[in-house]
């Protein structure tokens, strides 16, 4: 009996050590977030580690990330003001630092630079928020995009939002060139969700470079949904842009009730 107890204890210890070895430190809790120090640490944010954990970036990561974090759910990522360099070629697929996020995710205090190109939904931080039934509010705060974005739908922060979210105090200073829609902060707007964008700035050139009738370019958000679903306040566009459909005021492209 005693030998069995010892065996169980050894298995538990080995499992815990393996989980800790996935990252450079921490336990994944709010009090002790997993520590991200390397590109490999970032690449290990997947599967069970992408759900219900807390992360903290400990330094700049200059070894360019070429694949996105595929899924991030009910988790937090605090960049602490550090930078992650991206070098992503989507080859027609969706592409960003985080491919899909949902269920109350919080991403804050982070800078990304480099490039994201040849993709459908393209962004510096989030390609899209996934549909789910929890309706927990997503928070994107104090994010700075310096990444050059080229694709069909491009934005500095997030290409599309399908869940309730708050985008607060975010800045785009990366060039964005899109075949259909481009915006400094979000290209796809709220997608029917009760979202808010405030205290955000676009300070870089935006260009709609396609022939689609759906082509539109705007400083902050392409769409502002009607019926008070989506609000944008205290935001600035400080840069010129080219667009087939002129935005209302450099902030919002157009209002349409999807």
C-alpha atoms as a PDB file:
ATOM      1  CA  UNK A   1       0.000   0.000   0.000  1.00  0.00           C
ATOM      2  CA  UNK A   2       2.782   2.391   1.005  1.00  0.00           C
ATOM      3  CA  UNK A   3       4.656   1.613  -2.233  1.00  0.00           C
ATOM      4  CA  UNK A   4       1.549   2.473  -4.266  1.00  0.00           C
ATOM      5  CA  UNK A   5       1.247   5.828  -2.491  1.00  0.00           C
ATOM      6  CA  UNK A   6       4.881   6.588  -3.311  1.00  0.00           C
ATOM      7  CA  UNK A   7       4.318   5.683  -6.988  1.00  0.00           C
ATOM      8  CA  UNK A   8       1.288   7.966  -7.184  1.00  0.00           C
ATOM      9  CA  UNK A   9       3.249  10.814  -5.579  1.00  0.00           C
ATOM     10  CA  UNK A  10       6.083  10.352  -8.094  1.00  0.00           C
ATOM     11  CA  UNK A  11       3.648  10.405 -11.044  1.00  0.00           C
ATOM     12  CA  UNK A  12       2.015  13.606  -9.747  1.00  0.00           C
ATOM     13  CA  UNK A  13       5.413  15.240  -9.253  1.00  0.00           C
ATOM     14  CA  UNK A  14       6.556  14.239 -12.752  1.00  0.00           C
ATOM     15  CA  UNK A  15       3.322  15.591 -14.290  1.00  0.00           C
ATOM     16  CA  UNK A  16       3.683  18.912 -12.457  1.00  0.00           C
ATOM     17  CA  UNK A  17       7.323  19.206 -13.523  1.00  0.00           C
ATOM     18  CA  UNK A  18       6.367  18.534 -17.161  1.00  0.00           C
ATOM     19  CA  UNK A  19       3.672  21.231 -17.084  1.00  0.00           C
ATOM     20  CA  UNK A  20       6.059  23.762 -15.538  1.00  0.00           C
ATOM     21  CA  UNK A  21       8.706  22.877 -18.116  1.00  0.00           C
ATOM     22  CA  UNK A  22       6.408  24.127 -20.886  1.00  0.00           C
ATOM     23  CA  UNK A  23       7.210  27.711 -19.823  1.00  0.00           C
ATOM     24  CA  UNK A  24      10.023  29.711 -18.221  1.00  0.00           C
ATOM     25  CA  UNK A  25       8.344  29.891 -14.820  1.00  0.00           C
ATOM     26  CA  UNK A  26       5.084  30.444 -13.000  1.00  0.00           C
ATOM     27  CA  UNK A  27       2.101  28.208 -12.369  1.00  0.00           C
ATOM     28  CA  UNK A  28      -0.484  29.720 -14.726  1.00  0.00           C
ATOM     29  CA  UNK A  29      -2.543  31.226 -11.916  1.00  0.00           C
ATOM     30  CA  UNK A  30      -3.536  34.859 -11.433  1.00  0.00           C
ATOM     31  CA  UNK A  31      -1.084  35.129  -8.530  1.00  0.00           C
ATOM     32  CA  UNK A  32       1.692  33.291 -10.410  1.00  0.00           C
ATOM     33  CA  UNK A  33       1.226  33.617 -14.198  1.00  0.00           C
ATOM     34  CA  UNK A  34       3.190  31.484 -16.607  1.00  0.00           C
ATOM     35  CA  UNK A  35       6.325  33.434 -17.570  1.00  0.00           C
ATOM     36  CA  UNK A  36       6.941  33.941 -21.292  1.00  0.00           C
ATOM     37  CA  UNK A  37      10.600  34.578 -22.144  1.00  0.00           C
ATOM     38  CA  UNK A  38      11.184  32.781 -25.453  1.00  0.00           C
ATOM     39  CA  UNK A  39       9.572  31.989 -28.781  1.00  0.00           C
ATOM     40  CA  UNK A  40       9.155  28.392 -27.601  1.00  0.00           C
ATOM     41  CA  UNK A  41       7.204  29.615 -24.573  1.00  0.00           C
ATOM     42  CA  UNK A  42       4.793  31.384 -26.930  1.00  0.00           C
ATOM     43  CA  UNK A  43       4.446  28.326 -29.137  1.00  0.00           C
ATOM     44  CA  UNK A  44       3.498  26.229 -26.095  1.00  0.00           C
ATOM     45  CA  UNK A  45       0.338  28.304 -25.525  1.00  0.00           C
ATOM     46  CA  UNK A  46      -2.006  25.771 -27.107  1.00  0.00           C
ATOM     47  CA  UNK A  47      -4.327  22.880 -26.288  1.00  0.00           C
ATOM     48  CA  UNK A  48      -5.022  22.711 -22.518  1.00  0.00           C
ATOM     49  CA  UNK A  49      -2.578  25.546 -21.849  1.00  0.00           C
ATOM     50  CA  UNK A  50      -4.699  27.954 -23.932  1.00  0.00           C
ATOM     51  CA  UNK A  51      -7.778  27.614 -21.687  1.00  0.00           C
ATOM     52  CA  UNK A  52      -8.146  29.149 -18.230  1.00  0.00           C
ATOM     53  CA  UNK A  53      -4.558  30.288 -17.618  1.00  0.00           C
ATOM     54  CA  UNK A  54      -2.681  33.527 -16.966  1.00  0.00           C
ATOM     55  CA  UNK A  55       0.470  34.635 -18.809  1.00  0.00           C
ATOM     56  CA  UNK A  56       3.059  37.375 -18.362  1.00  0.00           C
ATOM     57  CA  UNK A  57       5.682  38.419 -20.939  1.00  0.00           C
ATOM     58  CA  UNK A  58       9.058  38.933 -19.255  1.00  0.00           C
ATOM     59  CA  UNK A  59      11.081  40.472 -22.114  1.00  0.00           C
ATOM     60  CA  UNK A  60      11.020  41.362 -25.819  1.00  0.00           C
ATOM     61  CA  UNK A  61      10.861  38.364 -28.168  1.00  0.00           C
ATOM     62  CA  UNK A  62      12.876  39.226 -31.281  1.00  0.00           C
ATOM     63  CA  UNK A  63      13.040  35.696 -32.686  1.00  0.00           C
ATOM     64  CA  UNK A  64      10.198  36.218 -35.164  1.00  0.00           C
ATOM     65  CA  UNK A  65       7.008  34.246 -34.527  1.00  0.00           C
ATOM     66  CA  UNK A  66       5.885  32.650 -37.808  1.00  0.00           C
ATOM     67  CA  UNK A  67       2.763  30.834 -36.601  1.00  0.00           C
ATOM     68  CA  UNK A  68      -0.089  32.237 -34.517  1.00  0.00           C
ATOM     69  CA  UNK A  69      -1.248  31.092 -31.114  1.00  0.00           C
ATOM     70  CA  UNK A  70      -4.193  29.083 -32.491  1.00  0.00           C
ATOM     71  CA  UNK A  71      -6.752  29.493 -29.694  1.00  0.00           C
ATOM     72  CA  UNK A  72      -6.938  31.498 -26.466  1.00  0.00           C
ATOM     73  CA  UNK A  73      -9.937  31.084 -24.161  1.00  0.00           C
ATOM     74  CA  UNK A  74     -10.860  32.376 -20.687  1.00  0.00           C
ATOM     75  CA  UNK A  75      -7.218  33.449 -20.194  1.00  0.00           C
ATOM     76  CA  UNK A  76      -5.125  36.588 -19.727  1.00  0.00           C
ATOM     77  CA  UNK A  77      -1.907  37.788 -21.355  1.00  0.00           C
ATOM     78  CA  UNK A  78      -0.039  40.751 -19.848  1.00  0.00           C
ATOM     79  CA  UNK A  79       2.759  41.980 -22.108  1.00  0.00           C
ATOM     80  CA  UNK A  80       4.109  44.364 -19.453  1.00  0.00           C
ATOM     81  CA  UNK A  81       5.007  46.811 -22.236  1.00  0.00           C
ATOM     82  CA  UNK A  82       7.330  44.375 -24.039  1.00  0.00           C
ATOM     83  CA  UNK A  83       7.366  43.583 -27.770  1.00  0.00           C
ATOM     84  CA  UNK A  84       6.823  40.462 -29.887  1.00  0.00           C
ATOM     85  CA  UNK A  85       8.107  40.395 -33.479  1.00  0.00           C
ATOM     86  CA  UNK A  86       5.945  38.675 -36.106  1.00  0.00           C
ATOM     87  CA  UNK A  87       6.921  37.306 -39.536  1.00  0.00           C
ATOM     88  CA  UNK A  88       3.725  35.639 -40.764  1.00  0.00           C
ATOM     89  CA  UNK A  89       2.655  34.640 -44.271  1.00  0.00           C
ATOM     90  CA  UNK A  90      -0.912  33.370 -44.186  1.00  0.00           C
ATOM     91  CA  UNK A  91      -1.080  31.964 -47.731  1.00  0.00           C
ATOM     92  CA  UNK A  92      -4.790  32.890 -47.821  1.00  0.00           C
ATOM     93  CA  UNK A  93      -5.691  31.787 -44.287  1.00  0.00           C
ATOM     94  CA  UNK A  94      -6.355  33.934 -41.205  1.00  0.00           C
ATOM     95  CA  UNK A  95      -3.305  35.262 -39.394  1.00  0.00           C
ATOM     96  CA  UNK A  96      -2.337  37.323 -36.305  1.00  0.00           C
ATOM     97  CA  UNK A  97      -0.504  36.842 -33.000  1.00  0.00           C
ATOM     98  CA  UNK A  98      -3.679  35.172 -31.658  1.00  0.00           C
ATOM     99  CA  UNK A  99      -5.739  33.377 -34.285  1.00  0.00           C
ATOM    100  CA  UNK A 100      -8.998  33.104 -32.291  1.00  0.00           C
ATOM    101  CA  UNK A 101      -9.923  34.308 -28.813  1.00  0.00           C
ATOM    102  CA  UNK A 102     -13.137  33.966 -26.803  1.00  0.00           C
ATOM    103  CA  UNK A 103     -14.784  33.706 -23.388  1.00  0.00           C
ATOM    104  CA  UNK A 104     -13.593  36.745 -21.468  1.00  0.00           C
ATOM    105  CA  UNK A 105      -9.985  36.848 -22.689  1.00  0.00           C
ATOM    106  CA  UNK A 106      -7.870  39.825 -21.574  1.00  0.00           C
ATOM    107  CA  UNK A 107      -4.814  40.913 -23.597  1.00  0.00           C
ATOM    108  CA  UNK A 108      -3.022  44.061 -22.465  1.00  0.00           C
ATOM    109  CA  UNK A 109       0.190  46.108 -22.335  1.00  0.00           C
ATOM    110  CA  UNK A 110       1.795  44.632 -25.448  1.00  0.00           C
ATOM    111  CA  UNK A 111       3.552  45.784 -28.634  1.00  0.00           C
ATOM    112  CA  UNK A 112       3.852  43.784 -31.870  1.00  0.00           C
ATOM    113  CA  UNK A 113       5.995  44.615 -34.908  1.00  0.00           C
ATOM    114  CA  UNK A 114       7.204  42.876 -38.082  1.00  0.00           C
ATOM    115  CA  UNK A 115       4.748  41.803 -40.816  1.00  0.00           C
ATOM    116  CA  UNK A 116       1.556  39.797 -41.398  1.00  0.00           C
ATOM    117  CA  UNK A 117       0.691  39.229 -45.070  1.00  0.00           C
ATOM    118  CA  UNK A 118      -1.238  37.180 -47.647  1.00  0.00           C
ATOM    119  CA  UNK A 119      -4.133  36.375 -45.330  1.00  0.00           C
ATOM    120  CA  UNK A 120      -7.924  36.696 -45.195  1.00  0.00           C
ATOM    121  CA  UNK A 121      -8.527  38.101 -41.692  1.00  0.00           C
ATOM    122  CA  UNK A 122      -5.208  39.836 -40.905  1.00  0.00           C
ATOM    123  CA  UNK A 123      -4.225  41.781 -37.784  1.00  0.00           C
ATOM    124  CA  UNK A 124      -1.377  42.473 -35.451  1.00  0.00           C
ATOM    125  CA  UNK A 125      -3.037  40.941 -32.403  1.00  0.00           C
ATOM    126  CA  UNK A 126      -6.269  38.995 -33.108  1.00  0.00           C
ATOM    127  CA  UNK A 127      -7.524  37.570 -36.397  1.00  0.00           C
ATOM    128  CA  UNK A 128     -11.043  37.022 -35.026  1.00  0.00           C
ATOM    129  CA  UNK A 129     -13.021  36.387 -31.866  1.00  0.00           C
ATOM    130  CA  UNK A 130     -14.830  33.048 -31.954  1.00  0.00           C
ATOM    131  CA  UNK A 131     -18.577  32.657 -31.606  1.00  0.00           C
ATOM    132  CA  UNK A 132     -19.664  31.078 -28.309  1.00  0.00           C
ATOM    133  CA  UNK A 133     -22.556  31.227 -25.847  1.00  0.00           C
ATOM    134  CA  UNK A 134     -20.838  32.644 -22.762  1.00  0.00           C
ATOM    135  CA  UNK A 135     -20.943  36.318 -23.848  1.00  0.00           C
ATOM    136  CA  UNK A 136     -18.147  37.150 -21.401  1.00  0.00           C
ATOM    137  CA  UNK A 137     -16.621  40.504 -22.278  1.00  0.00           C
ATOM    138  CA  UNK A 138     -13.229  40.473 -23.994  1.00  0.00           C
ATOM    139  CA  UNK A 139     -10.747  43.198 -22.989  1.00  0.00           C
ATOM    140  CA  UNK A 140      -8.048  44.491 -25.346  1.00  0.00           C
ATOM    141  CA  UNK A 141      -6.155  47.301 -23.599  1.00  0.00           C
ATOM    142  CA  UNK A 142      -2.940  49.271 -24.091  1.00  0.00           C
ATOM    143  CA  UNK A 143      -1.947  47.464 -27.284  1.00  0.00           C
ATOM    144  CA  UNK A 144       0.339  49.008 -29.919  1.00  0.00           C
ATOM    145  CA  UNK A 145       0.587  47.608 -33.437  1.00  0.00           C
ATOM    146  CA  UNK A 146       3.689  48.461 -35.467  1.00  0.00           C
ATOM    147  CA  UNK A 147       3.233  45.452 -37.777  1.00  0.00           C
ATOM    148  CA  UNK A 148       2.744  45.950 -41.518  1.00  0.00           C
ATOM    149  CA  UNK A 149      -0.534  44.245 -42.452  1.00  0.00           C
ATOM    150  CA  UNK A 150      -1.415  43.081 -46.003  1.00  0.00           C
ATOM    151  CA  UNK A 151      -4.498  40.968 -46.783  1.00  0.00           C
ATOM    152  CA  UNK A 152      -8.212  40.991 -47.602  1.00  0.00           C
ATOM    153  CA  UNK A 153      -9.469  42.351 -44.262  1.00  0.00           C
ATOM    154  CA  UNK A 154      -6.756  44.097 -42.262  1.00  0.00           C
ATOM    155  CA  UNK A 155      -6.587  45.937 -38.953  1.00  0.00           C
ATOM    156  CA  UNK A 156      -4.003  46.912 -36.401  1.00  0.00           C
ATOM    157  CA  UNK A 157      -5.677  45.311 -33.381  1.00  0.00           C
ATOM    158  CA  UNK A 158      -8.389  42.822 -34.467  1.00  0.00           C
ATOM    159  CA  UNK A 159      -9.827  41.921 -37.863  1.00  0.00           C
ATOM    160  CA  UNK A 160     -13.224  40.858 -36.582  1.00  0.00           C
ATOM    161  CA  UNK A 161     -15.174  40.735 -33.306  1.00  0.00           C
ATOM    162  CA  UNK A 162     -18.121  38.403 -32.778  1.00  0.00           C
ATOM    163  CA  UNK A 163     -18.302  38.687 -28.969  1.00  0.00           C
ATOM    164  CA  UNK A 164     -18.872  41.571 -26.548  1.00  0.00           C
ATOM    165  CA  UNK A 165     -15.616  43.413 -26.121  1.00  0.00           C
ATOM    166  CA  UNK A 166     -13.838  46.524 -24.908  1.00  0.00           C
ATOM    167  CA  UNK A 167     -10.985  47.936 -26.981  1.00  0.00           C
ATOM    168  CA  UNK A 168      -9.344  50.603 -24.844  1.00  0.00           C
ATOM    169  CA  UNK A 169      -6.306  52.862 -25.300  1.00  0.00           C
ATOM    170  CA  UNK A 170      -4.930  51.010 -28.323  1.00  0.00           C
ATOM    171  CA  UNK A 171      -2.732  52.534 -31.051  1.00  0.00           C
ATOM    172  CA  UNK A 172      -1.960  51.538 -34.621  1.00  0.00           C
ATOM    173  CA  UNK A 173       1.222  52.873 -36.218  1.00  0.00           C
ATOM    174  CA  UNK A 174       1.662  50.023 -38.714  1.00  0.00           C
ATOM    175  CA  UNK A 175       0.853  50.404 -42.431  1.00  0.00           C
ATOM    176  CA  UNK A 176      -2.281  48.468 -43.443  1.00  0.00           C
ATOM    177  CA  UNK A 177      -3.052  47.584 -47.070  1.00  0.00           C
ATOM    178  CA  UNK A 178      -6.211  45.551 -47.703  1.00  0.00           C
ATOM    179  CA  UNK A 179      -8.097  44.270 -50.730  1.00  0.00           C
ATOM    180  CA  UNK A 180     -11.500  44.768 -49.064  1.00  0.00           C
ATOM    181  CA  UNK A 181     -11.586  46.446 -45.655  1.00  0.00           C
ATOM    182  CA  UNK A 182      -8.891  48.092 -43.577  1.00  0.00           C
ATOM    183  CA  UNK A 183      -8.920  50.068 -40.344  1.00  0.00           C
ATOM    184  CA  UNK A 184      -6.456  51.154 -37.728  1.00  0.00           C
ATOM    185  CA  UNK A 185      -8.186  49.342 -34.872  1.00  0.00           C
ATOM    186  CA  UNK A 186     -10.846  46.846 -36.094  1.00  0.00           C
ATOM    187  CA  UNK A 187     -11.853  45.975 -39.660  1.00  0.00           C
ATOM    188  CA  UNK A 188     -14.902  43.821 -38.946  1.00  0.00           C
ATOM    189  CA  UNK A 189     -16.363  45.831 -36.085  1.00  0.00           C
ATOM    190  CA  UNK A 190     -18.647  44.308 -33.493  1.00  0.00           C
ATOM    191  CA  UNK A 191     -20.346  41.584 -35.488  1.00  0.00           C
ATOM    192  CA  UNK A 192     -23.584  42.084 -33.567  1.00  0.00           C
ATOM    193  CA  UNK A 193     -21.874  42.076 -30.171  1.00  0.00           C
ATOM    194  CA  UNK A 194     -22.197  44.821 -27.580  1.00  0.00           C
ATOM    195  CA  UNK A 195     -18.702  46.269 -27.978  1.00  0.00           C
ATOM    196  CA  UNK A 196     -17.037  49.559 -27.125  1.00  0.00           C
ATOM    197  CA  UNK A 197     -13.973  51.253 -28.596  1.00  0.00           C
ATOM    198  CA  UNK A 198     -12.565  54.276 -26.802  1.00  0.00           C
ATOM    199  CA  UNK A 199      -9.352  56.272 -26.369  1.00  0.00           C
ATOM    200  CA  UNK A 200      -7.845  54.673 -29.478  1.00  0.00           C
ATOM    201  CA  UNK A 201      -5.622  56.225 -32.160  1.00  0.00           C
ATOM    202  CA  UNK A 202      -4.648  55.395 -35.712  1.00  0.00           C
ATOM    203  CA  UNK A 203      -1.411  57.111 -36.672  1.00  0.00           C
ATOM    204  CA  UNK A 204      -0.399  55.223 -39.808  1.00  0.00           C
ATOM    205  CA  UNK A 205      -1.264  55.036 -43.482  1.00  0.00           C
ATOM    206  CA  UNK A 206      -4.229  52.853 -44.496  1.00  0.00           C
ATOM    207  CA  UNK A 207      -5.064  51.791 -48.033  1.00  0.00           C
ATOM    208  CA  UNK A 208      -7.848  49.816 -49.665  1.00  0.00           C
ATOM    209  CA  UNK A 209      -6.057  48.318 -52.639  1.00  0.00           C
ATOM    210  CA  UNK A 210      -8.759  46.196 -54.313  1.00  0.00           C
ATOM    211  CA  UNK A 211     -11.677  46.468 -56.730  1.00  0.00           C
ATOM    212  CA  UNK A 212     -14.458  44.994 -54.558  1.00  0.00           C
ATOM    213  CA  UNK A 213     -17.636  47.039 -54.071  1.00  0.00           C
ATOM    214  CA  UNK A 214     -17.201  46.159 -50.389  1.00  0.00           C
ATOM    215  CA  UNK A 215     -13.906  48.032 -50.274  1.00  0.00           C
ATOM    216  CA  UNK A 216     -13.796  50.571 -47.442  1.00  0.00           C
ATOM    217  CA  UNK A 217     -11.042  52.095 -45.338  1.00  0.00           C
ATOM    218  CA  UNK A 218     -11.322  54.033 -42.086  1.00  0.00           C
ATOM    219  CA  UNK A 219      -9.141  55.286 -39.262  1.00  0.00           C
ATOM    220  CA  UNK A 220     -10.629  53.382 -36.325  1.00  0.00           C
ATOM    221  CA  UNK A 221     -13.400  50.935 -37.362  1.00  0.00           C
ATOM    222  CA  UNK A 222     -14.900  49.931 -40.701  1.00  0.00           C
ATOM    223  CA  UNK A 223     -18.409  49.389 -39.308  1.00  0.00           C
ATOM    224  CA  UNK A 224     -20.399  50.925 -36.509  1.00  0.00           C
ATOM    225  CA  UNK A 225     -23.505  48.788 -36.132  1.00  0.00           C
ATOM    226  CA  UNK A 226     -26.857  50.448 -35.732  1.00  0.00           C
ATOM    227  CA  UNK A 227     -29.333  50.182 -32.838  1.00  0.00           C
ATOM    228  CA  UNK A 228     -26.724  51.228 -30.256  1.00  0.00           C
ATOM    229  CA  UNK A 229     -25.002  47.876 -30.542  1.00  0.00           C
ATOM    230  CA  UNK A 230     -21.523  49.310 -30.904  1.00  0.00           C
ATOM    231  CA  UNK A 231     -20.077  52.582 -29.619  1.00  0.00           C
ATOM    232  CA  UNK A 232     -16.925  54.456 -30.527  1.00  0.00           C
ATOM    233  CA  UNK A 233     -15.810  57.450 -28.473  1.00  0.00           C
ATOM    234  CA  UNK A 234     -12.800  59.699 -27.906  1.00  0.00           C
ATOM    235  CA  UNK A 235     -10.849  58.173 -30.811  1.00  0.00           C
ATOM    236  CA  UNK A 236      -8.544  59.903 -33.284  1.00  0.00           C
ATOM    237  CA  UNK A 237      -7.311  59.291 -36.796  1.00  0.00           C
ATOM    238  CA  UNK A 238      -4.052  61.155 -37.385  1.00  0.00           C
ATOM    239  CA  UNK A 239      -3.062  59.760 -40.748  1.00  0.00           C
ATOM    240  CA  UNK A 240      -4.148  59.983 -44.413  1.00  0.00           C
ATOM    241  CA  UNK A 241      -5.769  57.003 -46.100  1.00  0.00           C
ATOM    242  CA  UNK A 242      -7.092  55.894 -49.464  1.00  0.00           C
ATOM    243  CA  UNK A 243     -10.582  54.435 -49.805  1.00  0.00           C
ATOM    244  CA  UNK A 244     -13.100  53.638 -52.550  1.00  0.00           C
ATOM    245  CA  UNK A 245     -15.902  54.428 -50.099  1.00  0.00           C
ATOM    246  CA  UNK A 246     -15.175  57.524 -48.043  1.00  0.00           C
ATOM    247  CA  UNK A 247     -15.666  57.160 -44.269  1.00  0.00           C
ATOM    248  CA  UNK A 248     -17.987  59.499 -42.397  1.00  0.00           C
ATOM    249  CA  UNK A 249     -15.302  61.295 -40.452  1.00  0.00           C
ATOM    250  CA  UNK A 250     -12.039  59.354 -40.553  1.00  0.00           C
ATOM    251  CA  UNK A 251     -13.219  57.295 -37.592  1.00  0.00           C
ATOM    252  CA  UNK A 252     -15.992  55.015 -38.910  1.00  0.00           C
ATOM    253  CA  UNK A 253     -16.392  53.664 -42.433  1.00  0.00           C
ATOM    254  CA  UNK A 254     -20.138  53.172 -42.571  1.00  0.00           C
ATOM    255  CA  UNK A 255     -23.210  52.144 -40.535  1.00  0.00           C
ATOM    256  CA  UNK A 256     -24.969  49.021 -41.731  1.00  0.00           C
ATOM    257  CA  UNK A 257     -27.476  46.788 -39.881  1.00  0.00           C
ATOM    258  CA  UNK A 258     -26.253  43.262 -40.646  1.00  0.00           C
END
